[in-house]
PDB file of all heavy atoms in Angstrom:
ATOM      1  N   ALA A   1       7.669  -3.855  12.795  1.00  0.00           N
ATOM      2  CA  ALA A   1       7.780  -2.405  12.791  1.00  0.00           C
ATOM      3  C   ALA A   1       6.651  -1.835  13.644  1.00  0.00           C
ATOM      4  O   ALA A   1       5.769  -2.560  14.078  1.00  0.00           O
ATOM      5  CB  ALA A   1       7.677  -1.887  11.353  1.00  0.00           C
ATOM      6  N   PRO A   2       6.667  -0.535  13.881  1.00  0.00           N
ATOM      7  CA  PRO A   2       5.568   0.067  14.623  1.00  0.00           C
ATOM      8  C   PRO A   2       4.225  -0.252  13.958  1.00  0.00           C
ATOM      9  O   PRO A   2       4.164  -0.563  12.772  1.00  0.00           O
ATOM     10  CB  PRO A   2       5.868   1.562  14.543  1.00  0.00           C
ATOM     11  CG  PRO A   2       7.325   1.649  14.291  1.00  0.00           C
ATOM     12  CD  PRO A   2       7.668   0.420  13.490  1.00  0.00           C
ATOM     13  N   ALA A   3       3.163  -0.160  14.717  1.00  0.00           N
ATOM     14  CA  ALA A   3       1.840  -0.544  14.227  1.00  0.00           C
ATOM     15  C   ALA A   3       1.405   0.236  12.993  1.00  0.00           C
ATOM     16  O   ALA A   3       0.695  -0.295  12.156  1.00  0.00           O
ATOM     17  CB  ALA A   3       0.807  -0.361  15.336  1.00  0.00           C
ATOM     18  N   LYS A   4       1.831   1.483  12.850  1.00  0.00           N
ATOM     19  CA  LYS A   4       1.423   2.282  11.701  1.00  0.00           C
ATOM     20  C   LYS A   4       2.358   2.007  10.530  1.00  0.00           C
ATOM     21  O   LYS A   4       3.540   2.274  10.587  1.00  0.00           O
ATOM     22  CB  LYS A   4       1.464   3.769  12.052  1.00  0.00           C
ATOM     23  CG  LYS A   4       1.107   4.655  10.886  1.00  0.00           C
ATOM     24  CD  LYS A   4       0.199   5.752  11.325  1.00  0.00           C
ATOM     25  CE  LYS A   4      -0.073   6.720  10.207  1.00  0.00           C
ATOM     26  NZ  LYS A   4      -0.966   6.216   9.210  1.00  0.00           N
ATOM     27  N   ALA A   5       1.794   1.448   9.484  1.00  0.00           N
ATOM     28  CA  ALA A   5       2.583   1.138   8.290  1.00  0.00           C
ATOM     29  C   ALA A   5       2.764   2.403   7.462  1.00  0.00           C
ATOM     30  O   ALA A   5       1.881   3.258   7.414  1.00  0.00           O
ATOM     31  CB  ALA A   5       1.876   0.080   7.466  1.00  0.00           C
ATOM     32  N   THR A   6       3.890   2.499   6.804  1.00  0.00           N
ATOM     33  CA  THR A   6       4.132   3.646   5.943  1.00  0.00           C
ATOM     34  C   THR A   6       3.484   3.413   4.590  1.00  0.00           C
ATOM     35  O   THR A   6       3.186   2.277   4.205  1.00  0.00           O
ATOM     36  CB  THR A   6       5.641   3.875   5.738  1.00  0.00           C
ATOM     37  OG1 THR A   6       6.172   2.764   5.018  1.00  0.00           O
ATOM     38  CG2 THR A   6       6.372   4.051   7.058  1.00  0.00           C
ATOM     39  N   THR A   7       3.289   4.502   3.884  1.00  0.00           N
ATOM     40  CA  THR A   7       2.732   4.416   2.536  1.00  0.00           C
ATOM     41  C   THR A   7       3.632   3.555   1.662  1.00  0.00           C
ATOM     42  O   THR A   7       3.146   2.748   0.865  1.00  0.00           O
ATOM     43  CB  THR A   7       2.602   5.829   1.935  1.00  0.00           C
ATOM     44  OG1 THR A   7       1.769   6.603   2.794  1.00  0.00           O
ATOM     45  CG2 THR A   7       2.024   5.798   0.549  1.00  0.00           C
ATOM     46  N   LYS A   8       4.935   3.687   1.836  1.00  0.00           N
ATOM     47  CA  LYS A   8       5.884   2.901   1.046  1.00  0.00           C
ATOM     48  C   LYS A   8       5.695   1.409   1.297  1.00  0.00           C
ATOM     49  O   LYS A   8       5.672   0.614   0.357  1.00  0.00           O
ATOM     50  CB  LYS A   8       7.314   3.321   1.398  1.00  0.00           C
ATOM     51  CG  LYS A   8       8.366   2.559   0.629  1.00  0.00           C
ATOM     52  CD  LYS A   8       9.759   2.976   1.046  1.00  0.00           C
ATOM     53  CE  LYS A   8      10.780   2.121   0.336  1.00  0.00           C
ATOM     54  NZ  LYS A   8      12.129   2.345   0.813  1.00  0.00           N
ATOM     55  N   GLU A   9       5.549   1.019   2.557  1.00  0.00           N
ATOM     56  CA  GLU A   9       5.366  -0.404   2.881  1.00  0.00           C
ATOM     57  C   GLU A   9       4.081  -0.952   2.263  1.00  0.00           C
ATOM     58  O   GLU A   9       4.077  -2.047   1.707  1.00  0.00           O
ATOM     59  CB  GLU A   9       5.306  -0.599   4.392  1.00  0.00           C
ATOM     60  CG  GLU A   9       6.632  -0.412   5.085  1.00  0.00           C
ATOM     61  CD  GLU A   9       6.492  -0.453   6.581  1.00  0.00           C
ATOM     62  OE1 GLU A   9       5.567   0.149   7.133  1.00  0.00           O
ATOM     63  OE2 GLU A   9       7.346  -1.123   7.201  1.00  0.00           O
ATOM     64  N   ILE A  10       3.015  -0.182   2.368  1.00  0.00           N
ATOM     65  CA  ILE A  10       1.735  -0.632   1.823  1.00  0.00           C
ATOM     66  C   ILE A  10       1.816  -0.733   0.311  1.00  0.00           C
ATOM     67  O   ILE A  10       1.360  -1.709  -0.287  1.00  0.00           O
ATOM     68  CB  ILE A  10       0.595   0.308   2.253  1.00  0.00           C
ATOM     69  CG1 ILE A  10       0.430   0.241   3.776  1.00  0.00           C
ATOM     70  CG2 ILE A  10      -0.711  -0.054   1.548  1.00  0.00           C
ATOM     71  CD1 ILE A  10      -0.522   1.262   4.348  1.00  0.00           C
ATOM     72  N   ARG A  11       2.442   0.270  -0.332  1.00  0.00           N
ATOM     73  CA  ARG A  11       2.566   0.254  -1.791  1.00  0.00           C
ATOM     74  C   ARG A  11       3.403  -0.938  -2.247  1.00  0.00           C
ATOM     75  O   ARG A  11       3.042  -1.637  -3.192  1.00  0.00           O
ATOM     76  CB  ARG A  11       3.184   1.574  -2.270  1.00  0.00           C
ATOM     77  CG  ARG A  11       3.280   1.682  -3.776  1.00  0.00           C
ATOM     78  CD  ARG A  11       3.689   3.074  -4.231  1.00  0.00           C
ATOM     79  NE  ARG A  11       2.525   3.937  -4.196  1.00  0.00           N
ATOM     80  CZ  ARG A  11       2.373   4.986  -3.385  1.00  0.00           C
ATOM     81  NH1 ARG A  11       3.317   5.333  -2.561  1.00  0.00           N
ATOM     82  NH2 ARG A  11       1.278   5.711  -3.406  1.00  0.00           N
ATOM     83  N   GLU A  12       4.515  -1.210  -1.573  1.00  0.00           N
ATOM     84  CA  GLU A  12       5.358  -2.352  -1.933  1.00  0.00           C
ATOM     85  C   GLU A  12       4.605  -3.665  -1.754  1.00  0.00           C
ATOM     86  O   GLU A  12       4.707  -4.567  -2.583  1.00  0.00           O
ATOM     87  CB  GLU A  12       6.636  -2.352  -1.091  1.00  0.00           C
ATOM     88  CG  GLU A  12       7.612  -1.263  -1.489  1.00  0.00           C
ATOM     89  CD  GLU A  12       8.816  -1.184  -0.565  1.00  0.00           C
ATOM     90  OE1 GLU A  12       8.828  -1.856   0.498  1.00  0.00           O
ATOM     91  OE2 GLU A  12       9.738  -0.432  -0.893  1.00  0.00           O
ATOM     92  N   TRP A  13       3.837  -3.782  -0.683  1.00  0.00           N
ATOM     93  CA  TRP A  13       3.045  -4.986  -0.462  1.00  0.00           C
ATOM     94  C   TRP A  13       2.024  -5.158  -1.582  1.00  0.00           C
ATOM     95  O   TRP A  13       1.879  -6.249  -2.130  1.00  0.00           O
ATOM     96  CB  TRP A  13       2.335  -4.903   0.902  1.00  0.00           C
ATOM     97  CG  TRP A  13       1.358  -6.002   1.097  1.00  0.00           C
ATOM     98  CD1 TRP A  13       1.624  -7.262   1.548  1.00  0.00           C
ATOM     99  CD2 TRP A  13      -0.042  -5.970   0.793  1.00  0.00           C
ATOM    100  NE1 TRP A  13       0.462  -8.000   1.557  1.00  0.00           N
ATOM    101  CE2 TRP A  13      -0.569  -7.235   1.103  1.00  0.00           C
ATOM    102  CE3 TRP A  13      -0.894  -4.994   0.306  1.00  0.00           C
ATOM    103  CZ2 TRP A  13      -1.915  -7.538   0.926  1.00  0.00           C
ATOM    104  CZ3 TRP A  13      -2.231  -5.288   0.135  1.00  0.00           C
ATOM    105  CH2 TRP A  13      -2.731  -6.548   0.448  1.00  0.00           C
ATOM    106  N   ALA A  14       1.321  -4.076  -1.916  1.00  0.00           N
ATOM    107  CA  ALA A  14       0.283  -4.130  -2.950  1.00  0.00           C
ATOM    108  C   ALA A  14       0.869  -4.551  -4.298  1.00  0.00           C
ATOM    109  O   ALA A  14       0.303  -5.393  -4.997  1.00  0.00           O
ATOM    110  CB  ALA A  14      -0.423  -2.789  -3.072  1.00  0.00           C
ATOM    111  N   ILE A  15       2.005  -3.988  -4.658  1.00  0.00           N
ATOM    112  CA  ILE A  15       2.659  -4.341  -5.922  1.00  0.00           C
ATOM    113  C   ILE A  15       3.066  -5.813  -5.894  1.00  0.00           C
ATOM    114  O   ILE A  15       2.861  -6.542  -6.861  1.00  0.00           O
ATOM    115  CB  ILE A  15       3.863  -3.418  -6.195  1.00  0.00           C
ATOM    116  CG1 ILE A  15       3.362  -1.990  -6.489  1.00  0.00           C
ATOM    117  CG2 ILE A  15       4.717  -3.943  -7.345  1.00  0.00           C
ATOM    118  CD1 ILE A  15       4.454  -0.937  -6.493  1.00  0.00           C
ATOM    119  N   GLY A  16       3.622  -6.260  -4.777  1.00  0.00           N
ATOM    120  CA  GLY A  16       4.017  -7.658  -4.635  1.00  0.00           C
ATOM    121  C   GLY A  16       2.839  -8.619  -4.722  1.00  0.00           C
ATOM    122  O   GLY A  16       2.975  -9.753  -5.166  1.00  0.00           O
ATOM    123  N   GLU A  17       1.667  -8.164  -4.312  1.00  0.00           N
ATOM    124  CA  GLU A  17       0.453  -8.973  -4.373  1.00  0.00           C
ATOM    125  C   GLU A  17      -0.219  -8.901  -5.740  1.00  0.00           C
ATOM    126  O   GLU A  17      -1.224  -9.550  -5.968  1.00  0.00           O
ATOM    127  CB  GLU A  17      -0.545  -8.497  -3.309  1.00  0.00           C
ATOM    128  CG  GLU A  17      -0.139  -8.833  -1.901  1.00  0.00           C
ATOM    129  CD  GLU A  17      -0.238 -10.310  -1.610  1.00  0.00           C
ATOM    130  OE1 GLU A  17      -1.290 -10.905  -1.881  1.00  0.00           O
ATOM    131  OE2 GLU A  17       0.744 -10.879  -1.112  1.00  0.00           O
ATOM    132  N   GLY A  18       0.327  -8.081  -6.625  1.00  0.00           N
ATOM    133  CA  GLY A  18      -0.253  -7.953  -7.960  1.00  0.00           C
ATOM    134  C   GLY A  18      -1.449  -7.025  -8.024  1.00  0.00           C
ATOM    135  O   GLY A  18      -2.210  -7.047  -8.985  1.00  0.00           O
ATOM    136  N   ARG A  19      -1.620  -6.206  -7.016  1.00  0.00           N
ATOM    137  CA  ARG A  19      -2.736  -5.255  -7.008  1.00  0.00           C
ATOM    138  C   ARG A  19      -2.348  -4.002  -7.773  1.00  0.00           C
ATOM    139  O   ARG A  19      -1.180  -3.633  -7.823  1.00  0.00           O
ATOM    140  CB  ARG A  19      -3.123  -4.896  -5.579  1.00  0.00           C
ATOM    141  CG  ARG A  19      -3.620  -6.095  -4.801  1.00  0.00           C
ATOM    142  CD  ARG A  19      -3.902  -5.716  -3.373  1.00  0.00           C
ATOM    143  NE  ARG A  19      -4.327  -6.850  -2.601  1.00  0.00           N
ATOM    144  CZ  ARG A  19      -5.607  -7.134  -2.347  1.00  0.00           C
ATOM    145  NH1 ARG A  19      -6.549  -6.347  -2.800  1.00  0.00           N
ATOM    146  NH2 ARG A  19      -5.917  -8.188  -1.632  1.00  0.00           N
ATOM    147  N   LYS A  20      -3.349  -3.359  -8.355  1.00  0.00           N
ATOM    148  CA  LYS A  20      -3.089  -2.132  -9.106  1.00  0.00           C
ATOM    149  C   LYS A  20      -3.010  -0.963  -8.135  1.00  0.00           C
ATOM    150  O   LYS A  20      -3.966  -0.670  -7.416  1.00  0.00           O
ATOM    151  CB  LYS A  20      -4.190  -1.889 -10.133  1.00  0.00           C
ATOM    152  CG  LYS A  20      -4.161  -2.881 -11.255  1.00  0.00           C
ATOM    153  CD  LYS A  20      -5.139  -2.519 -12.318  1.00  0.00           C
ATOM    154  CE  LYS A  20      -5.033  -3.535 -13.457  1.00  0.00           C
ATOM    155  NZ  LYS A  20      -5.865  -3.167 -14.583  1.00  0.00           N
ATOM    156  N   VAL A  21      -1.861  -0.330  -8.115  1.00  0.00           N
ATOM    157  CA  VAL A  21      -1.638   0.821  -7.247  1.00  0.00           C
ATOM    158  C   VAL A  21      -0.674   1.763  -7.959  1.00  0.00           C
ATOM    159  O   VAL A  21       0.258   1.321  -8.624  1.00  0.00           O
ATOM    160  CB  VAL A  21      -1.103   0.377  -5.862  1.00  0.00           C
ATOM    161  CG1 VAL A  21       0.233  -0.300  -5.968  1.00  0.00           C
ATOM    162  CG2 VAL A  21      -1.029   1.526  -4.895  1.00  0.00           C
ATOM    163  N   SER A  22      -0.929   3.059  -7.833  1.00  0.00           N
ATOM    164  CA  SER A  22      -0.059   4.026  -8.497  1.00  0.00           C
ATOM    165  C   SER A  22       1.286   4.095  -7.775  1.00  0.00           C
ATOM    166  O   SER A  22       1.401   3.726  -6.608  1.00  0.00           O
ATOM    167  CB  SER A  22      -0.713   5.409  -8.517  1.00  0.00           C
ATOM    168  OG  SER A  22      -0.827   5.901  -7.198  1.00  0.00           O
ATOM    169  N   PHE A  23       2.286   4.572  -8.468  1.00  0.00           N
ATOM    170  CA  PHE A  23       3.614   4.693  -7.876  1.00  0.00           C
ATOM    171  C   PHE A  23       3.755   5.966  -7.047  1.00  0.00           C
ATOM    172  O   PHE A  23       4.727   6.132  -6.335  1.00  0.00           O
ATOM    173  CB  PHE A  23       4.693   4.662  -8.966  1.00  0.00           C
ATOM    174  CG  PHE A  23       4.795   3.315  -9.609  1.00  0.00           C
ATOM    175  CD1 PHE A  23       4.279   3.082 -10.868  1.00  0.00           C
ATOM    176  CD2 PHE A  23       5.394   2.255  -8.946  1.00  0.00           C
ATOM    177  CE1 PHE A  23       4.363   1.839 -11.459  1.00  0.00           C
ATOM    178  CE2 PHE A  23       5.488   1.006  -9.531  1.00  0.00           C
ATOM    179  CZ  PHE A  23       4.967   0.798 -10.789  1.00  0.00           C
ATOM    180  N   ARG A  24       2.762   6.853  -7.143  1.00  0.00           N
ATOM    181  CA  ARG A  24       2.765   8.102  -6.386  1.00  0.00           C
ATOM    182  C   ARG A  24       1.351   8.403  -5.921  1.00  0.00           C
ATOM    183  O   ARG A  24       0.389   7.884  -6.450  1.00  0.00           O
ATOM    184  CB  ARG A  24       3.248   9.248  -7.268  1.00  0.00           C
ATOM    185  CG  ARG A  24       4.684   9.095  -7.714  1.00  0.00           C
ATOM    186  CD  ARG A  24       5.113  10.244  -8.564  1.00  0.00           C
ATOM    187  NE  ARG A  24       4.887  11.504  -7.850  1.00  0.00           N
ATOM    188  CZ  ARG A  24       5.116  12.694  -8.337  1.00  0.00           C
ATOM    189  NH1 ARG A  24       5.567  12.810  -9.552  1.00  0.00           N
ATOM    190  NH2 ARG A  24       4.893  13.773  -7.644  1.00  0.00           N
ATOM    191  N   GLY A  25       1.248   9.270  -4.943  1.00  0.00           N
ATOM    192  CA  GLY A  25      -0.061   9.733  -4.496  1.00  0.00           C
ATOM    193  C   GLY A  25      -0.697   8.844  -3.448  1.00  0.00           C
ATOM    194  O   GLY A  25      -0.064   7.963  -2.880  1.00  0.00           O
ATOM    195  N   ARG A  26      -1.970   9.119  -3.206  1.00  0.00           N
ATOM    196  CA  ARG A  26      -2.719   8.390  -2.185  1.00  0.00           C
ATOM    197  C   ARG A  26      -2.936   6.938  -2.567  1.00  0.00           C
ATOM    198  O   ARG A  26      -3.075   6.603  -3.725  1.00  0.00           O
ATOM    199  CB  ARG A  26      -4.082   9.039  -1.981  1.00  0.00           C
ATOM    200  CG  ARG A  26      -4.029  10.270  -1.136  1.00  0.00           C
ATOM    201  CD  ARG A  26      -5.429  10.734  -0.855  1.00  0.00           C
ATOM    202  NE  ARG A  26      -6.037   9.879   0.151  1.00  0.00           N
ATOM    203  CZ  ARG A  26      -6.600  10.322   1.253  1.00  0.00           C
ATOM    204  NH1 ARG A  26      -6.660  11.604   1.474  1.00  0.00           N
ATOM    205  NH2 ARG A  26      -7.134   9.499   2.116  1.00  0.00           N
ATOM    206  N   ILE A  27      -3.011   6.121  -1.548  1.00  0.00           N
ATOM    207  CA  ILE A  27      -3.347   4.712  -1.729  1.00  0.00           C
ATOM    208  C   ILE A  27      -4.805   4.567  -1.329  1.00  0.00           C
ATOM    209  O   ILE A  27      -5.230   5.097  -0.296  1.00  0.00           O
ATOM    210  CB  ILE A  27      -2.448   3.819  -0.855  1.00  0.00           C
ATOM    211  CG1 ILE A  27      -0.997   3.978  -1.287  1.00  0.00           C
ATOM    212  CG2 ILE A  27      -2.885   2.372  -0.916  1.00  0.00           C
ATOM    213  CD1 ILE A  27      -0.007   3.259  -0.419  1.00  0.00           C
ATOM    214  N   SER A  28      -5.568   3.844  -2.123  1.00  0.00           N
ATOM    215  CA  SER A  28      -7.002   3.704  -1.845  1.00  0.00           C
ATOM    216  C   SER A  28      -7.235   3.028  -0.505  1.00  0.00           C
ATOM    217  O   SER A  28      -6.431   2.224  -0.037  1.00  0.00           O
ATOM    218  CB  SER A  28      -7.687   2.919  -2.961  1.00  0.00           C
ATOM    219  OG  SER A  28      -7.355   1.556  -2.865  1.00  0.00           O
ATOM    220  N   ALA A  29      -8.373   3.345   0.082  1.00  0.00           N
ATOM    221  CA  ALA A  29      -8.743   2.753   1.365  1.00  0.00           C
ATOM    222  C   ALA A  29      -8.862   1.237   1.256  1.00  0.00           C
ATOM    223  O   ALA A  29      -8.542   0.512   2.207  1.00  0.00           O
ATOM    224  CB  ALA A  29     -10.054   3.361   1.857  1.00  0.00           C
ATOM    225  N   ALA A  30      -9.305   0.741   0.102  1.00  0.00           N
ATOM    226  CA  ALA A  30      -9.440  -0.701  -0.096  1.00  0.00           C
ATOM    227  C   ALA A  30      -8.081  -1.402  -0.021  1.00  0.00           C
ATOM    228  O   ALA A  30      -7.965  -2.488   0.555  1.00  0.00           O
ATOM    229  CB  ALA A  30     -10.108  -0.991  -1.432  1.00  0.00           C
ATOM    230  N   ILE A  31      -7.053  -0.784  -0.587  1.00  0.00           N
ATOM    231  CA  ILE A  31      -5.701  -1.364  -0.544  1.00  0.00           C
ATOM    232  C   ILE A  31      -5.178  -1.348   0.890  1.00  0.00           C
ATOM    233  O   ILE A  31      -4.612  -2.331   1.369  1.00  0.00           O
ATOM    234  CB  ILE A  31      -4.740  -0.604  -1.491  1.00  0.00           C
ATOM    235  CG1 ILE A  31      -5.187  -0.742  -2.939  1.00  0.00           C
ATOM    236  CG2 ILE A  31      -3.298  -1.061  -1.292  1.00  0.00           C
ATOM    237  CD1 ILE A  31      -5.000  -2.111  -3.540  1.00  0.00           C
ATOM    238  N   VAL A  32      -5.365  -0.235   1.585  1.00  0.00           N
ATOM    239  CA  VAL A  32      -4.905  -0.134   2.976  1.00  0.00           C
ATOM    240  C   VAL A  32      -5.622  -1.176   3.835  1.00  0.00           C
ATOM    241  O   VAL A  32      -4.995  -1.864   4.644  1.00  0.00           O
ATOM    242  CB  VAL A  32      -5.136   1.294   3.526  1.00  0.00           C
ATOM    243  CG1 VAL A  32      -4.798   1.366   5.013  1.00  0.00           C
ATOM    244  CG2 VAL A  32      -4.312   2.305   2.753  1.00  0.00           C
ATOM    245  N   ARG A  33      -6.915  -1.338   3.636  1.00  0.00           N
ATOM    246  CA  ARG A  33      -7.696  -2.323   4.382  1.00  0.00           C
ATOM    247  C   ARG A  33      -7.198  -3.733   4.096  1.00  0.00           C
ATOM    248  O   ARG A  33      -7.033  -4.543   5.013  1.00  0.00           O
ATOM    249  CB  ARG A  33      -9.174  -2.203   4.012  1.00  0.00           C
ATOM    250  CG  ARG A  33     -10.100  -2.947   4.930  1.00  0.00           C
ATOM    251  CD  ARG A  33     -11.573  -2.695   4.618  1.00  0.00           C
ATOM    252  NE  ARG A  33     -11.888  -1.300   4.383  1.00  0.00           N
ATOM    253  CZ  ARG A  33     -12.270  -0.787   3.195  1.00  0.00           C
ATOM    254  NH1 ARG A  33     -12.380  -1.560   2.144  1.00  0.00           N
ATOM    255  NH2 ARG A  33     -12.546   0.488   3.066  1.00  0.00           N
ATOM    256  N   ALA A  34      -6.916  -4.031   2.830  1.00  0.00           N
ATOM    257  CA  ALA A  34      -6.412  -5.353   2.460  1.00  0.00           C
ATOM    258  C   ALA A  34      -5.048  -5.612   3.100  1.00  0.00           C
ATOM    259  O   ALA A  34      -4.764  -6.730   3.550  1.00  0.00           O
ATOM    260  CB  ALA A  34      -6.321  -5.478   0.942  1.00  0.00           C
TER     261      ALA A  34
END
């Protein structure tokens, strides 16, 4: 996909990795960095 990932893609990845992330709102910089 284009270089800029969507919030949805990052959230789905984080959930799949077992990381704690809310289902709505901002995603922490640490999650985006990971």
